[in-house]
Amino acid sequence: MIQIEINDSTARRTLGEILSRLSDGRPLFQRIAQALEAEADANFAAQGRPAWVPHSAATIAARQSRSTDGTVLKILQDVGTLASSISSDYGPDFALIGAGGAARAYAAIHQFGGTINFGGGERKVRLRTDAKGGLVRQGTEGRMKNLAVFAKDKHKRVRESWAQVDAYQVTIPARPYLPFTGTSAGATLQPEAARSVMDVLTRFLSEPLG
């Protein structure tokens, strides 16, 4: 008679360690939350995955008039408010990522896209002027030399007037910077984010195996 003794104590111990690691999901979901934040950072670095809808010509011209630094042309990164607002959270059975904080409406319109309706009425127009009182122009050639530059609160040389503005709409294209696409009710992880989450899960479960 041939007798074969199988010592599965190591396998049982390893399986027990794996099950023990899953009894409290917080360490796993903490890693997943961190992975989602990293994927959001990667979206900004790549300017979208797939690539975001480019800036309009008017937006490019307006940004270039403010600075010669090429970084002003990076999409969704004019002053960095949106990117810096991204945060994540986790618990025993969840990991989440969000953005915006107090500016959640601004964050949502860029993630999902949409149309903003502006009502008509009188608006105060503040335009920048030079030392002689002439209007500062957006450029020196083409149509830019005929376009004035709007003044900010910090500007001292300004010309103010009132103008009647008709109601209008602005359509913002969806530029998913958080690592998912679709609506908030039917979100789907981006392929890169899905792979990242699976890598986290695989590493987490394989650690007891050495």
N, C-alpha and C. Protein backbone atom coordinates (compact mmCIF):
# COMPACT_ATOMS: atom_id res chain seq x y z
N MET A 1 0.86 -1.19 0.00
CA MET A 1 0.00 0.00 0.00
C MET A 1 0.90 1.24 0.00
N ILE A 2 0.53 2.15 -0.84
CA ILE A 2 1.26 3.42 -0.90
C ILE A 2 0.48 4.46 -0.11
N GLN A 3 1.14 5.08 0.83
CA GLN A 3 0.51 6.13 1.63
C GLN A 3 1.18 7.47 1.32
N ILE A 4 0.34 8.45 1.10
CA ILE A 4 0.83 9.80 0.81
C ILE A 4 0.26 10.73 1.87
N GLU A 5 1.11 11.38 2.56
CA GLU A 5 0.67 12.34 3.59
C GLU A 5 0.88 13.76 3.05
N ILE A 6 -0.17 14.50 3.05
CA ILE A 6 -0.11 15.89 2.57
C ILE A 6 -0.17 16.81 3.78
N ASN A 7 0.84 17.60 3.94
CA ASN A 7 0.89 18.57 5.02
C ASN A 7 0.47 19.93 4.45
N ASP A 8 -0.77 20.27 4.71
CA ASP A 8 -1.28 21.53 4.16
C ASP A 8 -1.33 22.63 5.21
N SER A 9 -0.55 22.49 6.26
CA SER A 9 -0.56 23.50 7.32
C SER A 9 -0.14 24.87 6.80
N THR A 10 0.86 24.88 5.91
CA THR A 10 1.33 26.16 5.36
C THR A 10 0.23 26.82 4.52
N ALA A 11 -0.43 25.99 3.71
CA ALA A 11 -1.50 26.53 2.88
C ALA A 11 -2.65 27.05 3.73
N ARG A 12 -2.99 26.29 4.78
CA ARG A 12 -4.07 26.72 5.67
C ARG A 12 -3.69 28.02 6.39
N ARG A 13 -2.44 28.09 6.82
CA ARG A 13 -2.00 29.30 7.52
C ARG A 13 -2.04 30.51 6.58
N THR A 14 -1.59 30.31 5.34
CA THR A 14 -1.60 31.40 4.37
C THR A 14 -3.02 31.83 4.07
N LEU A 15 -3.91 30.84 3.87
CA LEU A 15 -5.31 31.17 3.61
C LEU A 15 -5.92 31.92 4.79
N GLY A 16 -5.54 31.50 5.99
CA GLY A 16 -6.04 32.20 7.17
C GLY A 16 -5.57 33.64 7.22
N GLU A 17 -4.33 33.87 6.82
CA GLU A 17 -3.80 35.24 6.80
C GLU A 17 -4.54 36.09 5.78
N ILE A 18 -4.83 35.50 4.62
CA ILE A 18 -5.56 36.23 3.60
C ILE A 18 -6.95 36.61 4.09
N LEU A 19 -7.65 35.64 4.69
CA LEU A 19 -8.99 35.90 5.20
C LEU A 19 -8.95 36.93 6.32
N SER A 20 -7.90 36.87 7.14
CA SER A 20 -7.75 37.84 8.22
C SER A 20 -7.57 39.25 7.66
N ARG A 21 -6.80 39.37 6.57
CA ARG A 21 -6.58 40.68 5.95
C ARG A 21 -7.88 41.25 5.40
N LEU A 22 -8.80 40.36 4.98
CA LEU A 22 -10.06 40.83 4.42
C LEU A 22 -11.12 41.11 5.48
N SER A 23 -10.86 40.71 6.72
CA SER A 23 -11.85 40.93 7.77
C SER A 23 -12.03 42.40 8.08
N ASP A 24 -10.99 43.18 7.90
CA ASP A 24 -11.06 44.64 8.04
C ASP A 24 -10.60 45.24 6.72
N GLY A 25 -11.54 45.78 5.99
CA GLY A 25 -11.21 46.25 4.65
C GLY A 25 -10.51 47.59 4.59
N ARG A 26 -10.35 48.27 5.73
CA ARG A 26 -9.78 49.62 5.69
C ARG A 26 -8.37 49.69 5.10
N PRO A 27 -7.44 48.80 5.47
CA PRO A 27 -6.11 48.89 4.84
C PRO A 27 -6.17 48.73 3.32
N LEU A 28 -7.03 47.83 2.84
CA LEU A 28 -7.15 47.63 1.40
C LEU A 28 -7.76 48.85 0.74
N PHE A 29 -8.85 49.35 1.29
CA PHE A 29 -9.53 50.49 0.67
C PHE A 29 -8.73 51.78 0.81
N GLN A 30 -7.87 51.85 1.81
CA GLN A 30 -6.96 53.00 1.90
C GLN A 30 -6.02 53.01 0.70
N ARG A 31 -5.49 51.85 0.36
CA ARG A 31 -4.59 51.77 -0.79
C ARG A 31 -5.34 52.07 -2.09
N ILE A 32 -6.57 51.61 -2.19
CA ILE A 32 -7.35 51.89 -3.40
C ILE A 32 -7.62 53.39 -3.53
N ALA A 33 -7.95 54.04 -2.41
CA ALA A 33 -8.18 55.49 -2.44
C ALA A 33 -6.92 56.23 -2.88
N GLN A 34 -5.77 55.80 -2.38
CA GLN A 34 -4.51 56.43 -2.79
C GLN A 34 -4.24 56.20 -4.27
N ALA A 35 -4.58 55.02 -4.76
CA ALA A 35 -4.39 54.73 -6.19
C ALA A 35 -5.29 55.61 -7.04
N LEU A 36 -6.51 55.86 -6.59
CA LEU A 36 -7.43 56.71 -7.35
C LEU A 36 -6.91 58.15 -7.41
N GLU A 37 -6.34 58.63 -6.31
CA GLU A 37 -5.75 59.98 -6.33
C GLU A 37 -4.58 60.04 -7.31
N ALA A 38 -3.76 59.01 -7.32
CA ALA A 38 -2.62 58.97 -8.23
C ALA A 38 -3.09 58.98 -9.68
N GLU A 39 -4.19 58.28 -9.97
CA GLU A 39 -4.72 58.26 -11.33
C GLU A 39 -5.28 59.62 -11.72
N ALA A 40 -5.87 60.34 -10.78
CA ALA A 40 -6.35 61.69 -11.07
C ALA A 40 -5.17 62.61 -11.40
N ASP A 41 -4.09 62.49 -10.63
CA ASP A 41 -2.88 63.27 -10.92
C ASP A 41 -2.36 62.95 -12.32
N ALA A 42 -2.41 61.67 -12.68
CA ALA A 42 -1.94 61.26 -14.00
C ALA A 42 -2.82 61.84 -15.11
N ASN A 43 -4.11 61.99 -14.84
CA ASN A 43 -5.00 62.60 -15.83
C ASN A 43 -4.60 64.05 -16.11
N PHE A 44 -4.30 64.80 -15.04
CA PHE A 44 -3.87 66.18 -15.24
C PHE A 44 -2.53 66.23 -15.98
N ALA A 45 -1.62 65.35 -15.62
CA ALA A 45 -0.30 65.35 -16.26
C ALA A 45 -0.41 65.03 -17.75
N ALA A 46 -1.33 64.12 -18.10
CA ALA A 46 -1.48 63.71 -19.50
C ALA A 46 -2.46 64.59 -20.26
N GLN A 47 -3.08 65.56 -19.55
CA GLN A 47 -4.12 66.39 -20.16
C GLN A 47 -5.28 65.54 -20.67
N GLY A 48 -5.65 64.57 -19.86
CA GLY A 48 -6.79 63.71 -20.17
C GLY A 48 -6.38 62.38 -20.78
N ARG A 49 -7.10 61.34 -20.37
CA ARG A 49 -6.87 59.99 -20.91
C ARG A 49 -8.23 59.35 -21.19
N PRO A 50 -8.79 59.48 -22.40
CA PRO A 50 -8.21 60.08 -23.60
C PRO A 50 -8.12 61.61 -23.50
N ALA A 51 -7.43 62.21 -24.47
CA ALA A 51 -7.12 63.64 -24.42
C ALA A 51 -8.39 64.47 -24.30
N TRP A 52 -8.32 65.49 -23.44
CA TRP A 52 -9.46 66.39 -23.26
C TRP A 52 -9.68 67.25 -24.49
N VAL A 53 -10.90 67.78 -24.61
CA VAL A 53 -11.22 68.74 -25.67
C VAL A 53 -10.31 69.95 -25.49
N PRO A 54 -9.62 70.39 -26.54
CA PRO A 54 -8.69 71.53 -26.40
C PRO A 54 -9.40 72.82 -26.01
N HIS A 55 -8.62 73.78 -25.54
CA HIS A 55 -9.14 75.11 -25.27
C HIS A 55 -9.66 75.75 -26.56
N SER A 56 -10.62 76.64 -26.40
CA SER A 56 -11.06 77.44 -27.54
C SER A 56 -9.99 78.49 -27.85
N ALA A 57 -10.05 79.05 -29.04
CA ALA A 57 -9.08 80.07 -29.42
C ALA A 57 -9.18 81.28 -28.49
N ALA A 58 -10.39 81.62 -28.07
CA ALA A 58 -10.58 82.78 -27.19
C ALA A 58 -9.94 82.54 -25.83
N THR A 59 -10.06 81.32 -25.31
CA THR A 59 -9.46 81.00 -24.01
C THR A 59 -7.94 81.05 -24.11
N ILE A 60 -7.40 80.51 -25.19
CA ILE A 60 -5.94 80.54 -25.39
C ILE A 60 -5.44 81.97 -25.44
N ALA A 61 -6.14 82.82 -26.19
CA ALA A 61 -5.73 84.22 -26.32
C ALA A 61 -5.80 84.94 -24.98
N ALA A 62 -6.87 84.68 -24.22
CA ALA A 62 -7.03 85.34 -22.93
C ALA A 62 -5.92 84.93 -21.96
N ARG A 63 -5.57 83.64 -21.96
CA ARG A 63 -4.52 83.18 -21.05
C ARG A 63 -3.15 83.71 -21.46
N GLN A 64 -2.89 83.72 -22.75
CA GLN A 64 -1.59 84.21 -23.22
C GLN A 64 -1.42 85.69 -22.92
N SER A 65 -2.53 86.43 -22.89
CA SER A 65 -2.44 87.86 -22.59
C SER A 65 -2.05 88.11 -21.14
N ARG A 66 -2.28 87.11 -20.28
CA ARG A 66 -1.96 87.28 -18.86
C ARG A 66 -0.54 86.86 -18.53
N SER A 67 0.01 85.95 -19.34
CA SER A 67 1.32 85.42 -19.00
C SER A 67 1.97 84.82 -20.24
N THR A 68 3.29 84.84 -20.25
CA THR A 68 4.03 84.18 -21.34
C THR A 68 4.47 82.78 -20.93
N ASP A 69 4.14 82.38 -19.70
CA ASP A 69 4.49 81.06 -19.21
C ASP A 69 3.61 80.01 -19.89
N GLY A 70 4.22 79.02 -20.52
CA GLY A 70 3.47 78.01 -21.25
C GLY A 70 2.51 77.22 -20.41
N THR A 71 2.71 77.22 -19.08
CA THR A 71 1.84 76.43 -18.22
C THR A 71 0.42 76.96 -18.20
N VAL A 72 0.20 78.23 -18.57
CA VAL A 72 -1.16 78.78 -18.55
C VAL A 72 -2.02 78.12 -19.61
N LEU A 73 -1.44 77.42 -20.56
CA LEU A 73 -2.22 76.76 -21.61
C LEU A 73 -2.60 75.34 -21.23
N LYS A 74 -2.15 74.86 -20.07
CA LYS A 74 -2.56 73.53 -19.65
C LYS A 74 -4.03 73.54 -19.28
N ILE A 75 -4.77 72.59 -19.80
CA ILE A 75 -6.21 72.53 -19.59
C ILE A 75 -6.51 72.23 -18.13
N LEU A 76 -7.49 72.97 -17.57
CA LEU A 76 -7.95 72.82 -16.19
C LEU A 76 -6.87 73.13 -15.16
N GLN A 77 -5.81 73.83 -15.57
CA GLN A 77 -4.72 74.11 -14.63
C GLN A 77 -4.29 75.57 -14.68
N ASP A 78 -5.27 76.45 -14.83
CA ASP A 78 -4.94 77.87 -14.92
C ASP A 78 -4.27 78.35 -13.63
N VAL A 79 -4.92 78.12 -12.49
CA VAL A 79 -4.33 78.51 -11.21
C VAL A 79 -4.18 77.32 -10.26
N GLY A 80 -4.60 76.15 -10.68
CA GLY A 80 -4.39 74.95 -9.88
C GLY A 80 -5.43 74.68 -8.81
N THR A 81 -6.50 75.50 -8.77
CA THR A 81 -7.52 75.33 -7.72
C THR A 81 -8.20 73.96 -7.82
N LEU A 82 -8.55 73.56 -9.03
CA LEU A 82 -9.28 72.31 -9.20
C LEU A 82 -8.43 71.11 -8.80
N ALA A 83 -7.20 71.04 -9.32
CA ALA A 83 -6.33 69.91 -9.02
C ALA A 83 -6.03 69.81 -7.53
N SER A 84 -5.85 70.95 -6.88
CA SER A 84 -5.51 70.93 -5.45
C SER A 84 -6.71 70.59 -4.57
N SER A 85 -7.92 70.63 -5.14
CA SER A 85 -9.12 70.35 -4.34
C SER A 85 -9.44 68.86 -4.28
N ILE A 86 -8.74 68.03 -5.05
CA ILE A 86 -9.04 66.60 -5.09
C ILE A 86 -8.65 65.94 -3.76
N SER A 87 -9.56 65.13 -3.26
CA SER A 87 -9.29 64.39 -2.03
C SER A 87 -9.98 63.04 -2.09
N SER A 88 -9.56 62.13 -1.22
CA SER A 88 -10.14 60.80 -1.19
C SER A 88 -10.49 60.42 0.24
N ASP A 89 -11.27 59.36 0.36
CA ASP A 89 -11.64 58.85 1.68
C ASP A 89 -11.82 57.34 1.55
N TYR A 90 -11.88 56.67 2.68
CA TYR A 90 -12.04 55.22 2.66
C TYR A 90 -12.63 54.76 3.98
N GLY A 91 -13.12 53.53 3.99
CA GLY A 91 -13.69 52.94 5.19
C GLY A 91 -13.60 51.44 5.10
N PRO A 92 -14.31 50.71 5.95
CA PRO A 92 -14.23 49.24 5.95
C PRO A 92 -14.69 48.60 4.65
N ASP A 93 -15.56 49.31 3.92
CA ASP A 93 -16.11 48.70 2.70
C ASP A 93 -16.24 49.67 1.54
N PHE A 94 -15.44 50.74 1.55
CA PHE A 94 -15.53 51.69 0.44
C PHE A 94 -14.24 52.49 0.28
N ALA A 95 -14.06 52.98 -0.94
CA ALA A 95 -13.03 53.98 -1.25
C ALA A 95 -13.68 54.98 -2.18
N LEU A 96 -13.44 56.25 -1.98
CA LEU A 96 -14.06 57.25 -2.84
C LEU A 96 -13.07 58.37 -3.13
N ILE A 97 -13.38 59.11 -4.18
CA ILE A 97 -12.56 60.25 -4.57
C ILE A 97 -13.49 61.35 -5.05
N GLY A 98 -13.16 62.59 -4.73
CA GLY A 98 -13.99 63.71 -5.13
C GLY A 98 -13.15 64.96 -5.30
N ALA A 99 -13.82 66.05 -5.66
CA ALA A 99 -13.11 67.31 -5.88
C ALA A 99 -14.07 68.47 -5.68
N GLY A 100 -13.49 69.64 -5.52
CA GLY A 100 -14.30 70.85 -5.52
C GLY A 100 -14.48 71.49 -4.17
N GLY A 101 -14.90 70.72 -3.17
CA GLY A 101 -15.16 71.32 -1.87
C GLY A 101 -16.24 72.38 -2.01
N ALA A 102 -15.92 73.59 -1.61
CA ALA A 102 -16.88 74.69 -1.72
C ALA A 102 -17.21 75.01 -3.18
N ALA A 103 -16.28 74.68 -4.07
CA ALA A 103 -16.48 74.95 -5.50
C ALA A 103 -16.96 73.69 -6.22
N ARG A 104 -17.86 72.93 -5.58
CA ARG A 104 -18.29 71.66 -6.16
C ARG A 104 -19.02 71.83 -7.49
N ALA A 105 -19.76 72.94 -7.66
CA ALA A 105 -20.46 73.16 -8.93
C ALA A 105 -19.44 73.33 -10.06
N TYR A 106 -18.37 74.08 -9.78
CA TYR A 106 -17.31 74.28 -10.76
C TYR A 106 -16.62 72.96 -11.08
N ALA A 107 -16.37 72.16 -10.05
CA ALA A 107 -15.72 70.87 -10.25
C ALA A 107 -16.60 69.94 -11.08
N ALA A 108 -17.90 69.95 -10.81
CA ALA A 108 -18.82 69.04 -11.50
C ALA A 108 -18.97 69.39 -12.97
N ILE A 109 -19.05 70.67 -13.31
CA ILE A 109 -19.28 71.05 -14.70
C ILE A 109 -18.10 70.66 -15.57
N HIS A 110 -16.90 70.65 -15.02
CA HIS A 110 -15.74 70.26 -15.82
C HIS A 110 -15.61 68.74 -15.92
N GLN A 111 -16.00 68.02 -14.87
CA GLN A 111 -15.94 66.56 -14.92
C GLN A 111 -16.99 65.99 -15.87
N PHE A 112 -18.23 66.50 -15.77
CA PHE A 112 -19.34 65.93 -16.52
C PHE A 112 -19.73 66.73 -17.76
N GLY A 113 -19.31 67.99 -17.84
CA GLY A 113 -19.75 68.85 -18.93
C GLY A 113 -21.18 69.33 -18.69
N GLY A 114 -21.58 70.29 -19.49
CA GLY A 114 -22.95 70.80 -19.36
C GLY A 114 -23.06 72.22 -19.90
N THR A 115 -24.24 72.77 -19.80
CA THR A 115 -24.52 74.12 -20.30
C THR A 115 -24.89 75.03 -19.13
N ILE A 116 -24.27 76.19 -19.07
CA ILE A 116 -24.54 77.18 -18.03
C ILE A 116 -25.35 78.31 -18.65
N ASN A 117 -26.47 78.64 -18.03
CA ASN A 117 -27.33 79.72 -18.51
C ASN A 117 -27.06 80.99 -17.71
N PHE A 118 -26.79 82.08 -18.41
CA PHE A 118 -26.57 83.37 -17.79
C PHE A 118 -27.72 84.30 -18.17
N GLY A 119 -28.33 84.89 -17.16
CA GLY A 119 -29.43 85.81 -17.43
C GLY A 119 -28.93 87.15 -17.97
N GLY A 120 -29.78 87.84 -18.68
CA GLY A 120 -29.42 89.15 -19.21
C GLY A 120 -29.58 90.25 -18.16
N GLY A 121 -29.27 91.46 -18.55
CA GLY A 121 -29.41 92.61 -17.65
C GLY A 121 -28.23 93.54 -17.77
N GLU A 122 -28.23 94.57 -16.93
CA GLU A 122 -27.13 95.53 -16.97
C GLU A 122 -25.91 94.97 -16.24
N ARG A 123 -24.77 95.19 -16.81
CA ARG A 123 -23.52 94.74 -16.21
C ARG A 123 -22.52 95.90 -16.20
N LYS A 124 -21.81 96.01 -15.09
CA LYS A 124 -20.73 97.00 -15.04
C LYS A 124 -19.53 96.42 -15.77
N VAL A 125 -18.99 97.18 -16.68
CA VAL A 125 -17.83 96.75 -17.45
C VAL A 125 -16.62 97.54 -16.99
N ARG A 126 -15.58 96.84 -16.58
CA ARG A 126 -14.35 97.47 -16.13
C ARG A 126 -13.23 97.05 -17.07
N LEU A 127 -12.68 98.02 -17.79
CA LEU A 127 -11.63 97.76 -18.76
C LEU A 127 -10.33 98.43 -18.32
N ARG A 128 -9.24 97.75 -18.58
CA ARG A 128 -7.93 98.30 -18.20
C ARG A 128 -7.53 99.44 -19.12
N THR A 129 -6.86 100.42 -18.53
CA THR A 129 -6.35 101.55 -19.31
C THR A 129 -4.86 101.72 -19.03
N ASP A 130 -4.19 102.41 -19.96
CA ASP A 130 -2.77 102.69 -19.75
C ASP A 130 -2.61 104.03 -19.03
N ALA A 131 -1.38 104.48 -18.87
CA ALA A 131 -1.11 105.71 -18.11
C ALA A 131 -1.75 106.94 -18.74
N LYS A 132 -2.02 106.88 -20.04
CA LYS A 132 -2.63 108.02 -20.73
C LYS A 132 -4.14 107.91 -20.81
N GLY A 133 -4.69 106.85 -20.23
CA GLY A 133 -6.14 106.69 -20.25
C GLY A 133 -6.67 105.90 -21.42
N GLY A 134 -5.78 105.45 -22.29
CA GLY A 134 -6.21 104.65 -23.42
C GLY A 134 -6.47 103.21 -23.01
N LEU A 135 -7.35 102.54 -23.73
CA LEU A 135 -7.67 101.15 -23.41
C LEU A 135 -6.50 100.23 -23.73
N VAL A 136 -6.22 99.32 -22.83
CA VAL A 136 -5.21 98.29 -23.06
C VAL A 136 -5.83 97.24 -23.96
N ARG A 137 -5.11 96.84 -25.01
CA ARG A 137 -5.62 95.87 -25.97
C ARG A 137 -5.05 94.49 -25.72
N GLN A 138 -5.76 93.48 -26.21
CA GLN A 138 -5.34 92.09 -26.00
C GLN A 138 -4.17 91.69 -26.89
N GLY A 139 -3.89 92.46 -27.92
CA GLY A 139 -2.78 92.15 -28.81
C GLY A 139 -2.48 93.33 -29.71
N THR A 140 -1.52 93.14 -30.60
CA THR A 140 -1.13 94.23 -31.50
C THR A 140 -1.46 93.93 -32.95
N GLU A 141 -1.94 92.71 -33.23
CA GLU A 141 -2.23 92.33 -34.60
C GLU A 141 -3.60 91.67 -34.70
N GLY A 142 -4.17 91.73 -35.92
CA GLY A 142 -5.44 91.05 -36.17
C GLY A 142 -6.56 91.59 -35.28
N ARG A 143 -7.50 90.72 -34.96
CA ARG A 143 -8.64 91.15 -34.16
C ARG A 143 -8.26 91.46 -32.71
N MET A 144 -7.11 90.94 -32.26
CA MET A 144 -6.70 91.18 -30.88
C MET A 144 -6.44 92.67 -30.60
N LYS A 145 -6.01 93.41 -31.62
CA LYS A 145 -5.71 94.82 -31.39
C LYS A 145 -6.97 95.65 -31.20
N ASN A 146 -8.13 95.06 -31.48
CA ASN A 146 -9.40 95.77 -31.31
C ASN A 146 -10.15 95.32 -30.06
N LEU A 147 -9.59 94.35 -29.33
CA LEU A 147 -10.25 93.82 -28.15
C LEU A 147 -9.61 94.37 -26.89
N ALA A 148 -10.44 94.94 -26.02
CA ALA A 148 -9.94 95.50 -24.76
C ALA A 148 -9.71 94.38 -23.75
N VAL A 149 -9.03 94.72 -22.67
CA VAL A 149 -8.71 93.76 -21.60
C VAL A 149 -9.55 94.11 -20.37
N PHE A 150 -10.29 93.13 -19.88
CA PHE A 150 -11.10 93.36 -18.68
C PHE A 150 -10.19 93.54 -17.47
N ALA A 151 -10.60 94.44 -16.58
CA ALA A 151 -9.80 94.74 -15.39
C ALA A 151 -10.22 93.86 -14.23
N LYS A 152 -9.25 93.52 -13.41
CA LYS A 152 -9.53 92.81 -12.16
C LYS A 152 -9.56 93.82 -11.01
N ASP A 153 -9.96 93.36 -9.84
CA ASP A 153 -10.06 94.26 -8.69
C ASP A 153 -8.73 94.92 -8.36
N LYS A 154 -7.63 94.20 -8.62
CA LYS A 154 -6.31 94.73 -8.26
C LYS A 154 -5.86 95.86 -9.19
N HIS A 155 -6.46 95.96 -10.36
CA HIS A 155 -6.03 96.98 -11.32
C HIS A 155 -6.57 98.36 -10.92
N LYS A 156 -5.72 99.35 -10.98
CA LYS A 156 -6.08 100.71 -10.58
C LYS A 156 -6.49 101.58 -11.76
N ARG A 157 -5.86 101.34 -12.90
CA ARG A 157 -6.19 102.14 -14.09
C ARG A 157 -7.30 101.43 -14.85
N VAL A 158 -8.51 101.95 -14.69
CA VAL A 158 -9.66 101.29 -15.31
C VAL A 158 -10.62 102.34 -15.87
N ARG A 159 -11.43 101.88 -16.80
CA ARG A 159 -12.52 102.68 -17.33
C ARG A 159 -13.81 101.89 -17.10
N GLU A 160 -14.74 102.48 -16.37
CA GLU A 160 -15.97 101.78 -16.03
C GLU A 160 -17.14 102.33 -16.83
N SER A 161 -18.03 101.41 -17.20
CA SER A 161 -19.26 101.81 -17.89
C SER A 161 -20.30 100.72 -17.66
N TRP A 162 -21.53 101.01 -18.03
CA TRP A 162 -22.61 100.04 -17.90
C TRP A 162 -23.08 99.62 -19.28
N ALA A 163 -23.36 98.34 -19.39
CA ALA A 163 -23.79 97.82 -20.69
C ALA A 163 -24.94 96.83 -20.49
N GLN A 164 -25.85 96.82 -21.46
CA GLN A 164 -26.96 95.88 -21.43
C GLN A 164 -26.51 94.58 -22.07
N VAL A 165 -26.63 93.48 -21.34
CA VAL A 165 -26.18 92.18 -21.82
C VAL A 165 -27.38 91.27 -21.99
N ASP A 166 -27.48 90.64 -23.16
CA ASP A 166 -28.54 89.68 -23.41
C ASP A 166 -28.25 88.37 -22.68
N ALA A 167 -29.30 87.60 -22.43
CA ALA A 167 -29.11 86.27 -21.85
C ALA A 167 -28.28 85.42 -22.81
N TYR A 168 -27.43 84.57 -22.26
CA TYR A 168 -26.60 83.74 -23.13
C TYR A 168 -26.26 82.44 -22.42
N GLN A 169 -25.71 81.51 -23.18
CA GLN A 169 -25.33 80.20 -22.66
C GLN A 169 -23.86 79.92 -22.94
N VAL A 170 -23.25 79.17 -22.05
CA VAL A 170 -21.89 78.70 -22.25
C VAL A 170 -21.90 77.19 -22.07
N THR A 171 -21.41 76.47 -23.08
CA THR A 171 -21.37 75.01 -23.01
C THR A 171 -19.95 74.56 -22.67
N ILE A 172 -19.83 73.80 -21.61
CA ILE A 172 -18.54 73.29 -21.15
C ILE A 172 -18.44 71.82 -21.54
N PRO A 173 -17.42 71.43 -22.31
CA PRO A 173 -17.28 70.00 -22.65
C PRO A 173 -16.82 69.20 -21.45
N ALA A 174 -17.21 67.95 -21.40
CA ALA A 174 -16.76 67.07 -20.31
C ALA A 174 -15.26 66.82 -20.46
N ARG A 175 -14.54 67.03 -19.38
CA ARG A 175 -13.11 66.73 -19.33
C ARG A 175 -12.86 65.94 -18.05
N PRO A 176 -13.07 64.63 -18.09
CA PRO A 176 -12.98 63.82 -16.87
C PRO A 176 -11.57 63.80 -16.28
N TYR A 177 -11.39 64.54 -15.21
CA TYR A 177 -10.09 64.56 -14.53
C TYR A 177 -10.07 63.57 -13.37
N LEU A 178 -11.23 63.31 -12.76
CA LEU A 178 -11.31 62.21 -11.81
C LEU A 178 -11.28 60.91 -12.60
N PRO A 179 -10.81 59.81 -12.02
CA PRO A 179 -10.54 58.60 -12.82
C PRO A 179 -11.77 57.76 -13.15
N PHE A 180 -12.82 58.42 -13.61
CA PHE A 180 -13.99 57.69 -14.08
C PHE A 180 -14.69 58.50 -15.15
N THR A 181 -15.51 57.85 -15.94
CA THR A 181 -16.29 58.51 -16.97
C THR A 181 -17.77 58.20 -16.74
N GLY A 182 -18.62 58.91 -17.45
CA GLY A 182 -20.05 58.71 -17.28
C GLY A 182 -20.62 59.66 -16.24
N THR A 183 -21.88 59.46 -15.90
CA THR A 183 -22.56 60.31 -14.92
C THR A 183 -22.20 59.86 -13.50
N SER A 184 -22.54 60.71 -12.55
CA SER A 184 -22.27 60.36 -11.16
C SER A 184 -23.06 59.13 -10.73
N ALA A 185 -24.23 58.92 -11.36
CA ALA A 185 -25.04 57.75 -11.00
C ALA A 185 -24.62 56.50 -11.75
N GLY A 186 -23.89 56.66 -12.85
CA GLY A 186 -23.46 55.51 -13.64
C GLY A 186 -22.01 55.60 -14.04
N ALA A 187 -21.16 55.88 -13.05
CA ALA A 187 -19.74 56.09 -13.34
C ALA A 187 -19.04 54.77 -13.64
N THR A 188 -18.06 54.86 -14.53
CA THR A 188 -17.23 53.71 -14.90
C THR A 188 -15.77 54.09 -14.75
N LEU A 189 -15.00 53.26 -14.06
CA LEU A 189 -13.57 53.56 -13.91
C LEU A 189 -12.89 53.63 -15.27
N GLN A 190 -11.98 54.57 -15.42
CA GLN A 190 -11.15 54.61 -16.61
C GLN A 190 -10.32 53.33 -16.67
N PRO A 191 -9.97 52.87 -17.87
CA PRO A 191 -9.19 51.62 -17.98
C PRO A 191 -7.91 51.66 -17.16
N GLU A 192 -7.22 52.80 -17.16
CA GLU A 192 -5.97 52.89 -16.39
C GLU A 192 -6.25 52.76 -14.90
N ALA A 193 -7.34 53.37 -14.43
CA ALA A 193 -7.69 53.29 -13.02
C ALA A 193 -8.13 51.89 -12.63
N ALA A 194 -8.88 51.23 -13.52
CA ALA A 194 -9.32 49.86 -13.24
C ALA A 194 -8.11 48.93 -13.09
N ARG A 195 -7.12 49.10 -13.96
CA ARG A 195 -5.91 48.28 -13.85
C ARG A 195 -5.16 48.58 -12.55
N SER A 196 -5.13 49.85 -12.18
CA SER A 196 -4.43 50.24 -10.96
C SER A 196 -5.10 49.63 -9.73
N VAL A 197 -6.43 49.65 -9.70
CA VAL A 197 -7.15 49.05 -8.57
C VAL A 197 -6.91 47.55 -8.51
N MET A 198 -6.94 46.89 -9.67
CA MET A 198 -6.68 45.45 -9.69
C MET A 198 -5.26 45.13 -9.23
N ASP A 199 -4.30 45.97 -9.60
CA ASP A 199 -2.91 45.77 -9.13
C ASP A 199 -2.83 45.88 -7.61
N VAL A 200 -3.54 46.87 -7.06
CA VAL A 200 -3.56 47.03 -5.60
C VAL A 200 -4.14 45.79 -4.95
N LEU A 201 -5.26 45.31 -5.47
CA LEU A 201 -5.90 44.13 -4.90
C LEU A 201 -5.01 42.90 -4.99
N THR A 202 -4.36 42.73 -6.13
CA THR A 202 -3.48 41.56 -6.33
C THR A 202 -2.31 41.60 -5.35
N ARG A 203 -1.68 42.77 -5.23
CA ARG A 203 -0.54 42.89 -4.30
C ARG A 203 -0.96 42.68 -2.86
N PHE A 204 -2.13 43.21 -2.52
CA PHE A 204 -2.61 43.10 -1.14
C PHE A 204 -2.84 41.65 -0.76
N LEU A 205 -3.47 40.88 -1.66
CA LEU A 205 -3.79 39.49 -1.36
C LEU A 205 -2.57 38.56 -1.47
N SER A 206 -1.57 38.99 -2.24
CA SER A 206 -0.41 38.12 -2.44
C SER A 206 0.67 38.35 -1.39
N GLU A 207 0.58 39.39 -0.61
CA GLU A 207 1.60 39.66 0.38
C GLU A 207 1.80 38.52 1.38
N PRO A 208 0.72 37.85 1.85
CA PRO A 208 0.96 36.72 2.76
C PRO A 208 1.72 35.58 2.12
N LEU A 209 1.74 35.55 0.77
CA LEU A 209 2.44 34.46 0.08
C LEU A 209 3.94 34.71 0.01
N GLY A 210 4.33 35.92 0.38
CA GLY A 210 5.76 36.25 0.37
C GLY A 210 6.21 36.67 -0.99
